[in-house]
Amino acid sequence: MAEKTPPRPVAELSFEEALQELEAVVKRLEDGDVPLDASISAYARGEELRKHCEAKLNEAQERVAAITEGPGGAKSARPVDVS
């Protein structure tokens, strides 16, 4: 029986990698074909991934806010045009 490679530590994942893995975990759990112990482990990994994604999004939001600050640190209420 081949040994399964342990998953990379969540802290090493990019936002996109973590989100992709989180989506896979959710799908596996929704499909319901996972034994109870494996479901609990998958749920715990999913929670770590969710927190990591949330932290990455918060970091990005703070960086964008810092970029959009006006003179004297006043923040602009205008939406940023991303097109």
PDB file of N, CA and C in Angstrom:
ATOM      1  N   MET A   1       0.832  -1.167   0.000  1.00  0.00           N
ATOM      2  CA  MET A   1       0.000   0.000   0.000  1.00  0.00           C
ATOM      3  C   MET A   1       0.888   1.245   0.000  1.00  0.00           C
ATOM      4  N   ALA A   2       0.653   2.157  -0.941  1.00  0.00           N
ATOM      5  CA  ALA A   2       1.449   3.366  -1.041  1.00  0.00           C
ATOM      6  C   ALA A   2       1.077   4.335   0.073  1.00  0.00           C
ATOM      7  N   GLU A   3       2.112   4.954   0.648  1.00  0.00           N
ATOM      8  CA  GLU A   3       1.842   5.929   1.708  1.00  0.00           C
ATOM      9  C   GLU A   3       1.408   7.244   1.089  1.00  0.00           C
ATOM     10  N   LYS A   4       0.456   7.870   1.717  1.00  0.00           N
ATOM     11  CA  LYS A   4      -0.060   9.146   1.248  1.00  0.00           C
ATOM     12  C   LYS A   4       0.846  10.256   1.743  1.00  0.00           C
ATOM     13  N   THR A   5       1.178  11.191   0.851  1.00  0.00           N
ATOM     14  CA  THR A   5       2.003  12.332   1.220  1.00  0.00           C
ATOM     15  C   THR A   5       1.182  13.271   2.096  1.00  0.00           C
ATOM     16  N   PRO A   6       1.740  13.700   3.222  1.00  0.00           N
ATOM     17  CA  PRO A   6       0.977  14.620   4.080  1.00  0.00           C
ATOM     18  C   PRO A   6       0.750  15.946   3.356  1.00  0.00           C
ATOM     19  N   PRO A   7      -0.377  16.593   3.623  1.00  0.00           N
ATOM     20  CA  PRO A   7      -0.651  17.869   2.963  1.00  0.00           C
ATOM     21  C   PRO A   7       0.354  18.932   3.414  1.00  0.00           C
ATOM     22  N   ARG A   8       0.584  19.893   2.531  1.00  0.00           N
ATOM     23  CA  ARG A   8       1.480  21.002   2.885  1.00  0.00           C
ATOM     24  C   ARG A   8       0.884  21.782   4.045  1.00  0.00           C
ATOM     25  N   PRO A   9       1.735  22.351   4.874  1.00  0.00           N
ATOM     26  CA  PRO A   9       1.217  23.200   5.954  1.00  0.00           C
ATOM     27  C   PRO A   9       0.408  24.355   5.359  1.00  0.00           C
ATOM     28  N   VAL A  10      -0.714  24.658   5.978  1.00  0.00           N
ATOM     29  CA  VAL A  10      -1.619  25.682   5.473  1.00  0.00           C
ATOM     30  C   VAL A  10      -0.902  27.020   5.324  1.00  0.00           C
ATOM     31  N   ALA A  11      -0.026  27.348   6.242  1.00  0.00           N
ATOM     32  CA  ALA A  11       0.677  28.637   6.212  1.00  0.00           C
ATOM     33  C   ALA A  11       1.529  28.804   4.954  1.00  0.00           C
ATOM     34  N   GLU A  12       1.918  27.704   4.315  1.00  0.00           N
ATOM     35  CA  GLU A  12       2.748  27.764   3.114  1.00  0.00           C
ATOM     36  C   GLU A  12       1.923  27.962   1.838  1.00  0.00           C
ATOM     37  N   LEU A  13       0.596  27.841   1.928  1.00  0.00           N
ATOM     38  CA  LEU A  13      -0.250  27.903   0.745  1.00  0.00           C
ATOM     39  C   LEU A  13      -0.578  29.342   0.368  1.00  0.00           C
ATOM     40  N   SER A  14      -0.652  29.577  -0.935  1.00  0.00           N
ATOM     41  CA  SER A  14      -1.147  30.862  -1.407  1.00  0.00           C
ATOM     42  C   SER A  14      -2.658  30.881  -1.199  1.00  0.00           C
ATOM     43  N   PHE A  15      -3.241  32.050  -1.345  1.00  0.00           N
ATOM     44  CA  PHE A  15      -4.699  32.154  -1.225  1.00  0.00           C
ATOM     45  C   PHE A  15      -5.378  31.209  -2.215  1.00  0.00           C
ATOM     46  N   GLU A  16      -4.922  31.226  -3.456  1.00  0.00           N
ATOM     47  CA  GLU A  16      -5.545  30.415  -4.509  1.00  0.00           C
ATOM     48  C   GLU A  16      -5.420  28.921  -4.221  1.00  0.00           C
ATOM     49  N   GLU A  17      -4.252  28.497  -3.744  1.00  0.00           N
ATOM     50  CA  GLU A  17      -4.054  27.084  -3.411  1.00  0.00           C
ATOM     51  C   GLU A  17      -4.958  26.673  -2.253  1.00  0.00           C
ATOM     52  N   ALA A  18      -5.025  27.516  -1.231  1.00  0.00           N
ATOM     53  CA  ALA A  18      -5.853  27.208  -0.062  1.00  0.00           C
ATOM     54  C   ALA A  18      -7.334  27.153  -0.443  1.00  0.00           C
ATOM     55  N   LEU A  19      -7.766  28.091  -1.265  1.00  0.00           N
ATOM     56  CA  LEU A  19      -9.165  28.111  -1.688  1.00  0.00           C
ATOM     57  C   LEU A  19      -9.508  26.879  -2.513  1.00  0.00           C
ATOM     58  N   GLN A  20      -8.613  26.494  -3.404  1.00  0.00           N
ATOM     59  CA  GLN A  20      -8.842  25.304  -4.223  1.00  0.00           C
ATOM     60  C   GLN A  20      -8.939  24.053  -3.340  1.00  0.00           C
ATOM     61  N   GLU A  21      -8.045  23.939  -2.373  1.00  0.00           N
ATOM     62  CA  GLU A  21      -8.087  22.787  -1.475  1.00  0.00           C
ATOM     63  C   GLU A  21      -9.345  22.817  -0.609  1.00  0.00           C
ATOM     64  N   LEU A  22      -9.730  23.996  -0.150  1.00  0.00           N
ATOM     65  CA  LEU A  22     -10.945  24.134   0.652  1.00  0.00           C
ATOM     66  C   LEU A  22     -12.172  23.691  -0.148  1.00  0.00           C
ATOM     67  N   GLU A  23     -12.244  24.098  -1.400  1.00  0.00           N
ATOM     68  CA  GLU A  23     -13.356  23.679  -2.257  1.00  0.00           C
ATOM     69  C   GLU A  23     -13.391  22.163  -2.415  1.00  0.00           C
ATOM     70  N   ALA A  24     -12.226  21.539  -2.535  1.00  0.00           N
ATOM     71  CA  ALA A  24     -12.151  20.083  -2.655  1.00  0.00           C
ATOM     72  C   ALA A  24     -12.616  19.403  -1.364  1.00  0.00           C
ATOM     73  N   VAL A  25     -12.231  19.963  -0.218  1.00  0.00           N
ATOM     74  CA  VAL A  25     -12.655  19.417   1.077  1.00  0.00           C
ATOM     75  C   VAL A  25     -14.171  19.501   1.208  1.00  0.00           C
ATOM     76  N   VAL A  26     -14.725  20.649   0.868  1.00  0.00           N
ATOM     77  CA  VAL A  26     -16.183  20.831   0.962  1.00  0.00           C
ATOM     78  C   VAL A  26     -16.893  19.832   0.064  1.00  0.00           C
ATOM     79  N   LYS A  27     -16.397  19.657  -1.152  1.00  0.00           N
ATOM     80  CA  LYS A  27     -17.028  18.702  -2.078  1.00  0.00           C
ATOM     81  C   LYS A  27     -16.998  17.287  -1.519  1.00  0.00           C
ATOM     82  N   ARG A  28     -15.824  16.877  -0.988  1.00  0.00           N
ATOM     83  CA  ARG A  28     -15.718  15.525  -0.406  1.00  0.00           C
ATOM     84  C   ARG A  28     -16.712  15.346   0.725  1.00  0.00           C
ATOM     85  N   LEU A  29     -16.816  16.354   1.599  1.00  0.00           N
ATOM     86  CA  LEU A  29     -17.737  16.248   2.732  1.00  0.00           C
ATOM     87  C   LEU A  29     -19.190  16.257   2.265  1.00  0.00           C
ATOM     88  N   GLU A  30     -19.508  17.073   1.269  1.00  0.00           N
ATOM     89  CA  GLU A  30     -20.875  17.114   0.752  1.00  0.00           C
ATOM     90  C   GLU A  30     -21.258  15.815   0.065  1.00  0.00           C
ATOM     91  N   ASP A  31     -20.292  15.173  -0.590  1.00  0.00           N
ATOM     92  CA  ASP A  31     -20.575  13.900  -1.262  1.00  0.00           C
ATOM     93  C   ASP A  31     -20.918  12.810  -0.258  1.00  0.00           C
ATOM     94  N   GLY A  32     -20.404  12.922   0.959  1.00  0.00           N
ATOM     95  CA  GLY A  32     -20.750  11.990   2.023  1.00  0.00           C
ATOM     96  C   GLY A  32     -20.110  10.620   1.924  1.00  0.00           C
ATOM     97  N   ASP A  33     -19.091  10.474   1.085  1.00  0.00           N
ATOM     98  CA  ASP A  33     -18.441   9.170   0.913  1.00  0.00           C
ATOM     99  C   ASP A  33     -17.199   9.017   1.781  1.00  0.00           C
ATOM    100  N   VAL A  34     -17.112   9.804   2.837  1.00  0.00           N
ATOM    101  CA  VAL A  34     -15.925   9.815   3.683  1.00  0.00           C
ATOM    102  C   VAL A  34     -16.291   9.224   5.045  1.00  0.00           C
ATOM    103  N   PRO A  35     -15.488   8.278   5.549  1.00  0.00           N
ATOM    104  CA  PRO A  35     -15.751   7.731   6.882  1.00  0.00           C
ATOM    105  C   PRO A  35     -15.720   8.827   7.946  1.00  0.00           C
ATOM    106  N   LEU A  36     -16.337   8.577   9.073  1.00  0.00           N
ATOM    107  CA  LEU A  36     -16.485   9.581  10.130  1.00  0.00           C
ATOM    108  C   LEU A  36     -15.150  10.193  10.554  1.00  0.00           C
ATOM    109  N   ASP A  37     -14.160   9.369  10.875  1.00  0.00           N
ATOM    110  CA  ASP A  37     -12.868   9.900  11.325  1.00  0.00           C
ATOM    111  C   ASP A  37     -12.218  10.763  10.249  1.00  0.00           C
ATOM    112  N   ALA A  38     -12.297  10.321   9.001  1.00  0.00           N
ATOM    113  CA  ALA A  38     -11.734  11.099   7.903  1.00  0.00           C
ATOM    114  C   ALA A  38     -12.525  12.390   7.705  1.00  0.00           C
ATOM    115  N   SER A  39     -13.831  12.351   7.935  1.00  0.00           N
ATOM    116  CA  SER A  39     -14.663  13.551   7.831  1.00  0.00           C
ATOM    117  C   SER A  39     -14.254  14.590   8.869  1.00  0.00           C
ATOM    118  N   ILE A  40     -13.992  14.133  10.076  1.00  0.00           N
ATOM    119  CA  ILE A  40     -13.577  15.042  11.147  1.00  0.00           C
ATOM    120  C   ILE A  40     -12.234  15.674  10.802  1.00  0.00           C
ATOM    121  N   SER A  41     -11.303  14.866  10.306  1.00  0.00           N
ATOM    122  CA  SER A  41      -9.993  15.389   9.900  1.00  0.00           C
ATOM    123  C   SER A  41     -10.135  16.380   8.747  1.00  0.00           C
ATOM    124  N   ALA A  42     -10.972  16.045   7.777  1.00  0.00           N
ATOM    125  CA  ALA A  42     -11.195  16.933   6.635  1.00  0.00           C
ATOM    126  C   ALA A  42     -11.834  18.233   7.088  1.00  0.00           C
ATOM    127  N   TYR A  43     -12.771  18.143   8.015  1.00  0.00           N
ATOM    128  CA  TYR A  43     -13.427  19.347   8.535  1.00  0.00           C
ATOM    129  C   TYR A  43     -12.416  20.243   9.241  1.00  0.00           C
ATOM    130  N   ALA A  44     -11.523  19.647  10.030  1.00  0.00           N
ATOM    131  CA  ALA A  44     -10.502  20.417  10.741  1.00  0.00           C
ATOM    132  C   ALA A  44      -9.554  21.083   9.740  1.00  0.00           C
ATOM    133  N   ARG A  45      -9.156  20.367   8.712  1.00  0.00           N
ATOM    134  CA  ARG A  45      -8.287  20.947   7.669  1.00  0.00           C
ATOM    135  C   ARG A  45      -9.033  22.077   6.955  1.00  0.00           C
ATOM    136  N   GLY A  46     -10.299  21.853   6.674  1.00  0.00           N
ATOM    137  CA  GLY A  46     -11.101  22.880   6.026  1.00  0.00           C
ATOM    138  C   GLY A  46     -11.198  24.144   6.865  1.00  0.00           C
ATOM    139  N   GLU A  47     -11.331  23.985   8.155  1.00  0.00           N
ATOM    140  CA  GLU A  47     -11.400  25.153   9.044  1.00  0.00           C
ATOM    141  C   GLU A  47     -10.075  25.916   9.025  1.00  0.00           C
ATOM    142  N   GLU A  48      -8.954  25.197   9.023  1.00  0.00           N
ATOM    143  CA  GLU A  48      -7.647  25.852   8.924  1.00  0.00           C
ATOM    144  C   GLU A  48      -7.524  26.613   7.607  1.00  0.00           C
ATOM    145  N   LEU A  49      -7.978  25.984   6.533  1.00  0.00           N
ATOM    146  CA  LEU A  49      -7.921  26.614   5.217  1.00  0.00           C
ATOM    147  C   LEU A  49      -8.803  27.854   5.161  1.00  0.00           C
ATOM    148  N   ARG A  50      -9.986  27.777   5.750  1.00  0.00           N
ATOM    149  CA  ARG A  50     -10.907  28.922   5.768  1.00  0.00           C
ATOM    150  C   ARG A  50     -10.271  30.103   6.494  1.00  0.00           C
ATOM    151  N   LYS A  51      -9.681  29.832   7.655  1.00  0.00           N
ATOM    152  CA  LYS A  51      -9.042  30.891   8.433  1.00  0.00           C
ATOM    153  C   LYS A  51      -7.871  31.505   7.660  1.00  0.00           C
ATOM    154  N   HIS A  52      -7.114  30.661   6.974  1.00  0.00           N
ATOM    155  CA  HIS A  52      -5.978  31.134   6.183  1.00  0.00           C
ATOM    156  C   HIS A  52      -6.465  32.032   5.044  1.00  0.00           C
ATOM    157  N   CYS A  53      -7.499  31.601   4.350  1.00  0.00           N
ATOM    158  CA  CYS A  53      -8.058  32.403   3.256  1.00  0.00           C
ATOM    159  C   CYS A  53      -8.585  33.737   3.783  1.00  0.00           C
ATOM    160  N   GLU A  54      -9.269  33.697   4.898  1.00  0.00           N
ATOM    161  CA  GLU A  54      -9.804  34.917   5.501  1.00  0.00           C
ATOM    162  C   GLU A  54      -8.672  35.872   5.874  1.00  0.00           C
ATOM    163  N   ALA A  55      -7.603  35.350   6.437  1.00  0.00           N
ATOM    164  CA  ALA A  55      -6.462  36.190   6.807  1.00  0.00           C
ATOM    165  C   ALA A  55      -5.809  36.796   5.569  1.00  0.00           C
ATOM    166  N   LYS A  56      -5.672  35.998   4.506  1.00  0.00           N
ATOM    167  CA  LYS A  56      -5.089  36.506   3.260  1.00  0.00           C
ATOM    168  C   LYS A  56      -5.958  37.612   2.677  1.00  0.00           C
ATOM    169  N   LEU A  57      -7.283  37.445   2.712  1.00  0.00           N
ATOM    170  CA  LEU A  57      -8.184  38.477   2.204  1.00  0.00           C
ATOM    171  C   LEU A  57      -8.083  39.752   3.040  1.00  0.00           C
ATOM    172  N   ASN A  58      -7.992  39.605   4.355  1.00  0.00           N
ATOM    173  CA  ASN A  58      -7.840  40.774   5.235  1.00  0.00           C
ATOM    174  C   ASN A  58      -6.538  41.511   4.939  1.00  0.00           C
ATOM    175  N   GLU A  59      -5.454  40.748   4.720  1.00  0.00           N
ATOM    176  CA  GLU A  59      -4.169  41.350   4.365  1.00  0.00           C
ATOM    177  C   GLU A  59      -4.299  42.147   3.071  1.00  0.00           C
ATOM    178  N   ALA A  60      -4.940  41.557   2.083  1.00  0.00           N
ATOM    179  CA  ALA A  60      -5.108  42.226   0.794  1.00  0.00           C
ATOM    180  C   ALA A  60      -5.942  43.492   0.955  1.00  0.00           C
ATOM    181  N   GLN A  61      -6.983  43.406   1.746  1.00  0.00           N
ATOM    182  CA  GLN A  61      -7.842  44.571   1.978  1.00  0.00           C
ATOM    183  C   GLN A  61      -7.045  45.699   2.641  1.00  0.00           C
ATOM    184  N   GLU A  62      -6.212  45.359   3.606  1.00  0.00           N
ATOM    185  CA  GLU A  62      -5.388  46.361   4.274  1.00  0.00           C
ATOM    186  C   GLU A  62      -4.379  46.980   3.316  1.00  0.00           C
ATOM    187  N   ARG A  63      -3.800  46.166   2.438  1.00  0.00           N
ATOM    188  CA  ARG A  63      -2.840  46.685   1.463  1.00  0.00           C
ATOM    189  C   ARG A  63      -3.514  47.640   0.489  1.00  0.00           C
ATOM    190  N   VAL A  64      -4.717  47.272   0.028  1.00  0.00           N
ATOM    191  CA  VAL A  64      -5.453  48.144  -0.891  1.00  0.00           C
ATOM    192  C   VAL A  64      -5.826  49.443  -0.180  1.00  0.00           C
ATOM    193  N   ALA A  65      -6.252  49.340   1.058  1.00  0.00           N
ATOM    194  CA  ALA A  65      -6.601  50.545   1.829  1.00  0.00           C
ATOM    195  C   ALA A  65      -5.391  51.450   1.974  1.00  0.00           C
ATOM    196  N   ALA A  66      -4.222  50.879   2.214  1.00  0.00           N
ATOM    197  CA  ALA A  66      -3.006  51.680   2.348  1.00  0.00           C
ATOM    198  C   ALA A  66      -2.657  52.369   1.030  1.00  0.00           C
ATOM    199  N   ILE A  67      -2.898  51.691  -0.071  1.00  0.00           N
ATOM    200  CA  ILE A  67      -2.601  52.264  -1.383  1.00  0.00           C
ATOM    201  C   ILE A  67      -3.557  53.404  -1.708  1.00  0.00           C
ATOM    202  N   THR A  68      -4.813  53.271  -1.284  1.00  0.00           N
ATOM    203  CA  THR A  68      -5.824  54.259  -1.654  1.00  0.00           C
ATOM    204  C   THR A  68      -5.936  55.414  -0.668  1.00  0.00           C
ATOM    205  N   GLU A  69      -5.082  55.454   0.330  1.00  0.00           N
ATOM    206  CA  GLU A  69      -5.107  56.569   1.279  1.00  0.00           C
ATOM    207  C   GLU A  69      -4.691  57.848   0.573  1.00  0.00           C
ATOM    208  N   GLY A  70      -5.386  58.904   0.883  1.00  0.00           N
ATOM    209  CA  GLY A  70      -5.082  60.205   0.285  1.00  0.00           C
ATOM    210  C   GLY A  70      -4.092  60.967   1.135  1.00  0.00           C
ATOM    211  N   PRO A  71      -3.940  62.267   0.826  1.00  0.00           N
ATOM    212  CA  PRO A  71      -3.020  63.103   1.601  1.00  0.00           C
ATOM    213  C   PRO A  71      -3.396  63.133   3.078  1.00  0.00           C
ATOM    214  N   GLY A  72      -2.422  63.075   3.922  1.00  0.00           N
ATOM    215  CA  GLY A  72      -2.660  63.116   5.362  1.00  0.00           C
ATOM    216  C   GLY A  72      -3.297  61.847   5.900  1.00  0.00           C
ATOM    217  N   GLY A  73      -3.326  60.771   5.102  1.00  0.00           N
ATOM    218  CA  GLY A  73      -3.892  59.500   5.560  1.00  0.00           C
ATOM    219  C   GLY A  73      -5.388  59.398   5.410  1.00  0.00           C
ATOM    220  N   ALA A  74      -6.037  60.431   4.799  1.00  0.00           N
ATOM    221  CA  ALA A  74      -7.486  60.380   4.596  1.00  0.00           C
ATOM    222  C   ALA A  74      -7.812  59.321   3.549  1.00  0.00           C
ATOM    223  N   LYS A  75      -8.767  58.486   3.853  1.00  0.00           N
ATOM    224  CA  LYS A  75      -9.144  57.430   2.920  1.00  0.00           C
ATOM    225  C   LYS A  75     -10.194  57.928   1.952  1.00  0.00           C
ATOM    226  N   SER A  76     -10.046  57.487   0.743  1.00  0.00           N
ATOM    227  CA  SER A  76     -11.003  57.843  -0.301  1.00  0.00           C
ATOM    228  C   SER A  76     -12.219  56.948  -0.200  1.00  0.00           C
ATOM    229  N   ALA A  77     -13.406  57.531  -0.357  1.00  0.00           N
ATOM    230  CA  ALA A  77     -14.636  56.753  -0.329  1.00  0.00           C
ATOM    231  C   ALA A  77     -15.009  56.273  -1.720  1.00  0.00           C
ATOM    232  N   ARG A  78     -14.198  56.655  -2.724  1.00  0.00           N
ATOM    233  CA  ARG A  78     -14.489  56.245  -4.091  1.00  0.00           C
ATOM    234  C   ARG A  78     -14.102  54.787  -4.291  1.00  0.00           C
ATOM    235  N   PRO A  79     -14.942  54.042  -5.023  1.00  0.00           N
ATOM    236  CA  PRO A  79     -14.557  52.657  -5.338  1.00  0.00           C
ATOM    237  C   PRO A  79     -13.379  52.659  -6.305  1.00  0.00           C
ATOM    238  N   VAL A  80     -12.575  51.639  -6.227  1.00  0.00           N
ATOM    239  CA  VAL A  80     -11.424  51.513  -7.095  1.00  0.00           C
ATOM    240  C   VAL A  80     -11.868  50.890  -8.406  1.00  0.00           C
ATOM    241  N   ASP A  81     -11.499  51.491  -9.525  1.00  0.00           N
ATOM    242  CA  ASP A  81     -11.840  50.959 -10.850  1.00  0.00           C
ATOM    243  C   ASP A  81     -10.828  49.877 -11.200  1.00  0.00           C
ATOM    244  N   VAL A  82     -11.306  48.646 -11.315  1.00  0.00           N
ATOM    245  CA  VAL A  82     -10.413  47.520 -11.602  1.00  0.00           C
ATOM    246  C   VAL A  82     -10.477  47.061 -13.044  1.00  0.00           C
ATOM    247  N   SER A  83     -11.210  47.779 -13.900  1.00  0.00           N
ATOM    248  CA  SER A  83     -11.307  47.365 -15.310  1.00  0.00           C
ATOM    249  C   SER A  83     -10.123  47.792 -16.118  1.00  0.00           C
TER     250      SER A  83
END
